[in-house]
Amino acid sequence: MRIIPAIDIIDGKCVRLTKGDYTTKKVYNENPLEVAKQFEASGIEYLHLVDLDGAKAKHIVNYIILEILSSKTNLKIDFGGGLKADEDLLIAFNSGARQITGGSIAVKDVKTFEKWIAKYGRTKIILGADCNNEKIAINGWQEESDKDVISFIKGYQRKEIQYVICTDISKDGMLEGPSFELYNKIINECSNSSESQSIKLIASGGV
């Protein structure tokens, strides 16, 4: 098991939202590098970095933070938020991301996301499958789609996706425990599929 802490960024600062609601923003540290170095000093190897400004703006915004963290720590960073075009992806990788997470684009621009998987490989591209009531949510969780989370993941399994990060939005920021039933359901229904590779599930929210 990998322990992967997350740093969510708004205006270059580390923030926490409750259930993805931007109006509940709390700044818990104004220096993301300080937080990242604390994680690294504790033995952490991986970091999930989320550009919440980017998610809202629909293009990458906080890539300078990514650049700083990747150049001044040895953390293996996966980056998400605002990755909607090839240019965003190139900026993320050039700024030091080891992996990227695509959520909204995997719903709204399937061809581009499939092209990314084919070009960069299944170890570089993570499918973001964040949901509310088992329905995929997009655009920084501001919008709910009609896509069922299990069907969504299975569809991308057939496209050779390997890593999937799933946040149950109702649990996020509540400190009340993860959505164990949902994660069990995903693993049981997606990891034993005969038609595709087993997924590596990154469980997020409520930990």
C-alpha atoms as a PDB file:
ATOM      1  CA  MET A   1       0.000   0.000   0.000  1.00  0.00           C
ATOM      2  CA  ARG A   2       1.160   3.532  -0.808  1.00  0.00           C
ATOM      3  CA  ILE A   3       0.316   6.385   1.539  1.00  0.00           C
ATOM      4  CA  ILE A   4      -0.222   9.422  -0.691  1.00  0.00           C
ATOM      5  CA  PRO A   5      -0.919  12.749   1.034  1.00  0.00           C
ATOM      6  CA  ALA A   6      -2.614  15.475  -0.989  1.00  0.00           C
ATOM      7  CA  ILE A   7      -1.918  19.178  -1.203  1.00  0.00           C
ATOM      8  CA  ASP A   8      -4.751  21.237  -2.685  1.00  0.00           C
ATOM      9  CA  ILE A   9      -3.721  24.643  -4.022  1.00  0.00           C
ATOM     10  CA  ILE A  10      -5.664  27.910  -4.343  1.00  0.00           C
ATOM     11  CA  ASP A  11      -3.787  31.188  -4.932  1.00  0.00           C
ATOM     12  CA  GLY A  12      -0.509  29.329  -4.368  1.00  0.00           C
ATOM     13  CA  LYS A  13      -1.550  28.299  -0.824  1.00  0.00           C
ATOM     14  CA  CYS A  14      -2.415  24.956   0.769  1.00  0.00           C
ATOM     15  CA  VAL A  15      -6.150  24.797   1.389  1.00  0.00           C
ATOM     16  CA  ARG A  16      -8.822  22.401   2.553  1.00  0.00           C
ATOM     17  CA  LEU A  17     -12.367  22.332   1.250  1.00  0.00           C
ATOM     18  CA  THR A  18     -15.374  20.528   2.717  1.00  0.00           C
ATOM     19  CA  LYS A  19     -17.101  18.282   0.172  1.00  0.00           C
ATOM     20  CA  GLY A  20     -15.385  20.221  -2.611  1.00  0.00           C
ATOM     21  CA  ASP A  21     -17.226  23.457  -1.787  1.00  0.00           C
ATOM     22  CA  TYR A  22     -14.979  26.427  -2.629  1.00  0.00           C
ATOM     23  CA  THR A  23     -16.856  28.666  -0.179  1.00  0.00           C
ATOM     24  CA  THR A  24     -15.615  26.477   2.709  1.00  0.00           C
ATOM     25  CA  LYS A  25     -11.951  27.151   1.857  1.00  0.00           C
ATOM     26  CA  LYS A  26      -9.563  27.102   4.805  1.00  0.00           C
ATOM     27  CA  VAL A  27      -5.899  27.992   4.322  1.00  0.00           C
ATOM     28  CA  TYR A  28      -3.798  25.670   6.493  1.00  0.00           C
ATOM     29  CA  ASN A  29      -0.371  26.732   5.219  1.00  0.00           C
ATOM     30  CA  GLU A  30       0.731  29.491   2.864  1.00  0.00           C
ATOM     31  CA  ASN A  31       3.906  27.629   1.912  1.00  0.00           C
ATOM     32  CA  PRO A  32       3.322  24.383  -0.055  1.00  0.00           C
ATOM     33  CA  LEU A  33       7.063  23.625  -0.108  1.00  0.00           C
ATOM     34  CA  GLU A  34       7.166  23.627   3.683  1.00  0.00           C
ATOM     35  CA  VAL A  35       4.306  21.111   3.794  1.00  0.00           C
ATOM     36  CA  ALA A  36       5.884  18.931   1.095  1.00  0.00           C
ATOM     37  CA  LYS A  37       9.210  18.874   2.945  1.00  0.00           C
ATOM     38  CA  GLN A  38       7.429  17.847   6.157  1.00  0.00           C
ATOM     39  CA  PHE A  39       5.866  14.929   4.294  1.00  0.00           C
ATOM     40  CA  GLU A  40       9.219  13.952   2.802  1.00  0.00           C
ATOM     41  CA  ALA A  41      10.937  14.134   6.196  1.00  0.00           C
ATOM     42  CA  SER A  42       8.313  11.713   7.523  1.00  0.00           C
ATOM     43  CA  GLY A  43       9.266   9.126   4.919  1.00  0.00           C
ATOM     44  CA  ILE A  44       6.566   9.919   2.365  1.00  0.00           C
ATOM     45  CA  GLU A  45       7.557   9.181  -1.260  1.00  0.00           C
ATOM     46  CA  TYR A  46       4.444  10.167  -3.214  1.00  0.00           C
ATOM     47  CA  LEU A  47       2.357  13.347  -3.363  1.00  0.00           C
ATOM     48  CA  HIS A  48      -0.980  14.159  -4.992  1.00  0.00           C
ATOM     49  CA  LEU A  49      -0.973  17.850  -5.961  1.00  0.00           C
ATOM     50  CA  VAL A  50      -4.285  19.425  -6.975  1.00  0.00           C
ATOM     51  CA  ASP A  51      -4.589  22.737  -8.792  1.00  0.00           C
ATOM     52  CA  LEU A  52      -8.036  23.870  -7.617  1.00  0.00           C
ATOM     53  CA  ASP A  53      -7.666  27.188  -9.425  1.00  0.00           C
ATOM     54  CA  GLY A  54      -6.965  25.204 -12.571  1.00  0.00           C
ATOM     55  CA  ALA A  55      -9.974  22.945 -12.055  1.00  0.00           C
ATOM     56  CA  LYS A  56     -12.203  26.015 -11.864  1.00  0.00           C
ATOM     57  CA  ALA A  57     -10.497  27.902 -14.711  1.00  0.00           C
ATOM     58  CA  LYS A  58     -10.383  24.792 -16.957  1.00  0.00           C
ATOM     59  CA  HIS A  59      -6.687  25.208 -17.688  1.00  0.00           C
ATOM     60  CA  ILE A  60      -3.510  24.694 -15.658  1.00  0.00           C
ATOM     61  CA  VAL A  61      -2.775  27.594 -13.267  1.00  0.00           C
ATOM     62  CA  ASN A  62      -0.476  26.603 -10.391  1.00  0.00           C
ATOM     63  CA  TYR A  63       2.286  24.895 -12.382  1.00  0.00           C
ATOM     64  CA  ILE A  64       4.931  27.092 -10.679  1.00  0.00           C
ATOM     65  CA  ILE A  65       4.078  25.373  -7.371  1.00  0.00           C
ATOM     66  CA  LEU A  66       4.532  22.017  -9.086  1.00  0.00           C
ATOM     67  CA  GLU A  67       7.886  23.159 -10.444  1.00  0.00           C
ATOM     68  CA  ILE A  68       9.064  24.270  -6.998  1.00  0.00           C
ATOM     69  CA  LEU A  69       7.987  21.064  -5.233  1.00  0.00           C
ATOM     70  CA  SER A  70       9.440  18.769  -7.893  1.00  0.00           C
ATOM     71  CA  SER A  71      12.778  20.606  -7.995  1.00  0.00           C
ATOM     72  CA  LYS A  72      13.241  21.042  -4.252  1.00  0.00           C
ATOM     73  CA  THR A  73      12.048  17.623  -3.021  1.00  0.00           C
ATOM     74  CA  ASN A  74      12.411  14.020  -4.200  1.00  0.00           C
ATOM     75  CA  LEU A  75       8.668  13.393  -3.981  1.00  0.00           C
ATOM     76  CA  LYS A  76       7.035  11.546  -6.884  1.00  0.00           C
ATOM     77  CA  ILE A  77       4.224  13.956  -7.731  1.00  0.00           C
ATOM     78  CA  ASP A  78       1.020  13.259  -9.551  1.00  0.00           C
ATOM     79  CA  PHE A  79      -0.730  16.441 -10.639  1.00  0.00           C
ATOM     80  CA  GLY A  80      -4.367  17.161 -11.377  1.00  0.00           C
ATOM     81  CA  GLY A  81      -6.671  20.103 -11.936  1.00  0.00           C
ATOM     82  CA  GLY A  82      -7.253  22.073 -15.115  1.00  0.00           C
ATOM     83  CA  LEU A  83      -5.643  19.595 -17.499  1.00  0.00           C
ATOM     84  CA  LYS A  84      -7.915  20.050 -20.483  1.00  0.00           C
ATOM     85  CA  ALA A  85      -5.588  20.289 -23.498  1.00  0.00           C
ATOM     86  CA  ASP A  86      -2.283  18.928 -24.802  1.00  0.00           C
ATOM     87  CA  GLU A  87      -0.588  22.193 -23.798  1.00  0.00           C
ATOM     88  CA  ASP A  88      -1.705  21.775 -20.159  1.00  0.00           C
ATOM     89  CA  LEU A  89      -0.332  18.253 -20.102  1.00  0.00           C
ATOM     90  CA  LEU A  90       3.037  19.317 -21.505  1.00  0.00           C
ATOM     91  CA  ILE A  91       3.308  22.111 -18.923  1.00  0.00           C
ATOM     92  CA  ALA A  92       2.578  19.619 -16.120  1.00  0.00           C
ATOM     93  CA  PHE A  93       5.178  17.105 -17.265  1.00  0.00           C
ATOM     94  CA  ASN A  94       7.748  19.817 -18.021  1.00  0.00           C
ATOM     95  CA  SER A  95       7.155  21.232 -14.529  1.00  0.00           C
ATOM     96  CA  GLY A  96       8.087  17.914 -12.937  1.00  0.00           C
ATOM     97  CA  ALA A  97       4.938  15.820 -12.659  1.00  0.00           C
ATOM     98  CA  ARG A  98       5.639  12.065 -12.696  1.00  0.00           C
ATOM     99  CA  GLN A  99       1.982  11.325 -13.390  1.00  0.00           C
ATOM    100  CA  ILE A 100      -1.091  13.380 -14.197  1.00  0.00           C
ATOM    101  CA  THR A 101      -4.706  12.849 -13.202  1.00  0.00           C
ATOM    102  CA  GLY A 102      -7.432  13.516 -15.766  1.00  0.00           C
ATOM    103  CA  GLY A 103     -11.009  13.724 -14.545  1.00  0.00           C
ATOM    104  CA  SER A 104     -13.203  16.218 -16.389  1.00  0.00           C
ATOM    105  CA  ILE A 105     -11.389  15.665 -19.675  1.00  0.00           C
ATOM    106  CA  ALA A 106     -12.002  11.920 -19.423  1.00  0.00           C
ATOM    107  CA  VAL A 107     -15.726  12.728 -19.423  1.00  0.00           C
ATOM    108  CA  LYS A 108     -15.901  15.661 -21.832  1.00  0.00           C
ATOM    109  CA  ASP A 109     -13.121  14.919 -24.322  1.00  0.00           C
ATOM    110  CA  VAL A 110     -12.733  11.175 -24.484  1.00  0.00           C
ATOM    111  CA  LYS A 111     -10.655  11.193 -27.686  1.00  0.00           C
ATOM    112  CA  THR A 112      -7.996  13.490 -26.202  1.00  0.00           C
ATOM    113  CA  PHE A 113      -7.790  11.501 -22.967  1.00  0.00           C
ATOM    114  CA  GLU A 114      -7.490   8.218 -24.872  1.00  0.00           C
ATOM    115  CA  LYS A 115      -4.739   9.804 -26.963  1.00  0.00           C
ATOM    116  CA  TRP A 116      -2.863  10.710 -23.769  1.00  0.00           C
ATOM    117  CA  ILE A 117      -3.085   7.116 -22.517  1.00  0.00           C
ATOM    118  CA  ALA A 118      -1.778   5.817 -25.848  1.00  0.00           C
ATOM    119  CA  LYS A 119       1.022   8.391 -26.074  1.00  0.00           C
ATOM    120  CA  TYR A 120       2.319   8.510 -22.489  1.00  0.00           C
ATOM    121  CA  GLY A 121       1.376   5.024 -21.283  1.00  0.00           C
ATOM    122  CA  ARG A 122      -0.714   3.602 -18.488  1.00  0.00           C
ATOM    123  CA  THR A 123       1.893   4.338 -15.795  1.00  0.00           C
ATOM    124  CA  LYS A 124       1.809   8.097 -16.496  1.00  0.00           C
ATOM    125  CA  ILE A 125      -1.920   8.769 -16.811  1.00  0.00           C
ATOM    126  CA  ILE A 126      -4.309   8.372 -13.868  1.00  0.00           C
ATOM    127  CA  LEU A 127      -8.074   8.295 -14.358  1.00  0.00           C
ATOM    128  CA  GLY A 128      -9.860  10.659 -11.968  1.00  0.00           C
ATOM    129  CA  ALA A 129     -13.190   9.060 -11.042  1.00  0.00           C
ATOM    130  CA  ASP A 130     -14.525  11.393  -8.348  1.00  0.00           C
ATOM    131  CA  CYS A 131     -18.181  10.871  -7.593  1.00  0.00           C
ATOM    132  CA  ASN A 132     -21.225  11.829  -5.588  1.00  0.00           C
ATOM    133  CA  ASN A 133     -23.938   9.202  -5.112  1.00  0.00           C
ATOM    134  CA  GLU A 134     -21.847   7.048  -7.483  1.00  0.00           C
ATOM    135  CA  LYS A 135     -22.225   9.613 -10.296  1.00  0.00           C
ATOM    136  CA  ILE A 136     -19.040  11.134 -11.750  1.00  0.00           C
ATOM    137  CA  ALA A 137     -18.509  14.815 -10.855  1.00  0.00           C
ATOM    138  CA  ILE A 138     -16.402  17.180 -12.948  1.00  0.00           C
ATOM    139  CA  ASN A 139     -14.979  20.724 -13.149  1.00  0.00           C
ATOM    140  CA  GLY A 140     -13.660  20.861  -9.607  1.00  0.00           C
ATOM    141  CA  TRP A 141     -16.740  18.933  -8.444  1.00  0.00           C
ATOM    142  CA  GLN A 142     -18.950  21.872  -9.404  1.00  0.00           C
ATOM    143  CA  GLU A 143     -20.879  19.778 -11.915  1.00  0.00           C
ATOM    144  CA  GLU A 144     -22.375  16.285 -11.676  1.00  0.00           C
ATOM    145  CA  SER A 145     -22.534  14.113 -14.781  1.00  0.00           C
ATOM    146  CA  ASP A 146     -24.921  11.269 -15.566  1.00  0.00           C
ATOM    147  CA  LYS A 147     -22.089   8.726 -15.713  1.00  0.00           C
ATOM    148  CA  ASP A 148     -22.064   5.836 -13.253  1.00  0.00           C
ATOM    149  CA  VAL A 149     -18.655   5.483 -11.595  1.00  0.00           C
ATOM    150  CA  ILE A 150     -18.338   1.719 -12.136  1.00  0.00           C
ATOM    151  CA  SER A 151     -19.277   1.879 -15.821  1.00  0.00           C
ATOM    152  CA  PHE A 152     -16.968   4.864 -16.264  1.00  0.00           C
ATOM    153  CA  ILE A 153     -13.969   3.010 -14.840  1.00  0.00           C
ATOM    154  CA  LYS A 154     -14.743  -0.175 -16.781  1.00  0.00           C
ATOM    155  CA  GLY A 155     -14.902   1.801 -20.010  1.00  0.00           C
ATOM    156  CA  TYR A 156     -11.391   3.100 -19.476  1.00  0.00           C
ATOM    157  CA  GLN A 157     -10.123  -0.298 -18.353  1.00  0.00           C
ATOM    158  CA  ARG A 158     -10.815  -1.415 -21.901  1.00  0.00           C
ATOM    159  CA  LYS A 159      -8.559   1.458 -23.002  1.00  0.00           C
ATOM    160  CA  GLU A 160      -5.746   0.058 -20.819  1.00  0.00           C
ATOM    161  CA  ILE A 161      -6.004   2.514 -17.910  1.00  0.00           C
ATOM    162  CA  GLN A 162      -4.260   1.132 -14.824  1.00  0.00           C
ATOM    163  CA  TYR A 163      -4.343   3.777 -12.082  1.00  0.00           C
ATOM    164  CA  VAL A 164      -7.689   5.138 -10.888  1.00  0.00           C
ATOM    165  CA  ILE A 165      -8.150   7.715  -8.152  1.00  0.00           C
ATOM    166  CA  CYS A 166     -11.643   7.863  -6.699  1.00  0.00           C
ATOM    167  CA  THR A 167     -12.898  10.402  -4.179  1.00  0.00           C
ATOM    168  CA  ASP A 168     -16.345  10.008  -2.667  1.00  0.00           C
ATOM    169  CA  ILE A 169     -17.147  13.732  -2.471  1.00  0.00           C
ATOM    170  CA  SER A 170     -19.610  13.266   0.381  1.00  0.00           C
ATOM    171  CA  LYS A 171     -16.706  12.066   2.549  1.00  0.00           C
ATOM    172  CA  ASP A 172     -14.066  14.584   1.476  1.00  0.00           C
ATOM    173  CA  GLY A 173     -12.844  16.948   4.168  1.00  0.00           C
ATOM    174  CA  MET A 174     -15.236  15.507   6.763  1.00  0.00           C
ATOM    175  CA  LEU A 175     -12.645  13.441   8.713  1.00  0.00           C
ATOM    176  CA  GLU A 176     -15.337  10.812   9.263  1.00  0.00           C
ATOM    177  CA  GLY A 177     -13.704   7.889   7.472  1.00  0.00           C
ATOM    178  CA  PRO A 178     -13.515   6.734   3.858  1.00  0.00           C
ATOM    179  CA  SER A 179     -16.253   5.271   1.678  1.00  0.00           C
ATOM    180  CA  PHE A 180     -15.256   1.650   2.241  1.00  0.00           C
ATOM    181  CA  GLU A 181     -18.401   0.200   0.626  1.00  0.00           C
ATOM    182  CA  LEU A 182     -17.804   2.162  -2.576  1.00  0.00           C
ATOM    183  CA  TYR A 183     -14.139   1.173  -2.780  1.00  0.00           C
ATOM    184  CA  ASN A 184     -14.960  -2.501  -2.163  1.00  0.00           C
ATOM    185  CA  LYS A 185     -17.568  -2.320  -4.903  1.00  0.00           C
ATOM    186  CA  ILE A 186     -15.102  -0.776  -7.357  1.00  0.00           C
ATOM    187  CA  ILE A 187     -12.394  -3.349  -6.576  1.00  0.00           C
ATOM    188  CA  ASN A 188     -14.816  -6.287  -6.775  1.00  0.00           C
ATOM    189  CA  GLU A 189     -16.447  -5.188 -10.025  1.00  0.00           C
ATOM    190  CA  CYS A 190     -13.422  -3.743 -11.812  1.00  0.00           C
ATOM    191  CA  SER A 191     -10.388  -5.656 -10.620  1.00  0.00           C
ATOM    192  CA  ASN A 192     -11.601  -9.114 -11.596  1.00  0.00           C
ATOM    193  CA  SER A 193     -12.824  -8.255 -15.058  1.00  0.00           C
ATOM    194  CA  SER A 194     -11.764 -10.916 -17.570  1.00  0.00           C
ATOM    195  CA  GLU A 195     -11.807  -8.437 -20.438  1.00  0.00           C
ATOM    196  CA  SER A 196      -9.227  -6.017 -19.042  1.00  0.00           C
ATOM    197  CA  GLN A 197      -6.306  -5.474 -16.707  1.00  0.00           C
ATOM    198  CA  SER A 198      -6.903  -5.135 -12.968  1.00  0.00           C
ATOM    199  CA  ILE A 199      -6.821  -1.554 -11.760  1.00  0.00           C
ATOM    200  CA  LYS A 200      -4.677   0.015  -9.067  1.00  0.00           C
ATOM    201  CA  LEU A 201      -7.209   1.970  -6.994  1.00  0.00           C
ATOM    202  CA  ILE A 202      -6.153   5.115  -5.167  1.00  0.00           C
ATOM    203  CA  ALA A 203      -8.826   5.619  -2.493  1.00  0.00           C
ATOM    204  CA  SER A 204      -9.336   9.247  -1.560  1.00  0.00           C
ATOM    205  CA  GLY A 205     -11.571  11.235   0.757  1.00  0.00           C
ATOM    206  CA  GLY A 206     -12.328  10.868   4.459  1.00  0.00           C
ATOM    207  CA  VAL A 207      -9.001   9.283   5.409  1.00  0.00           C
END
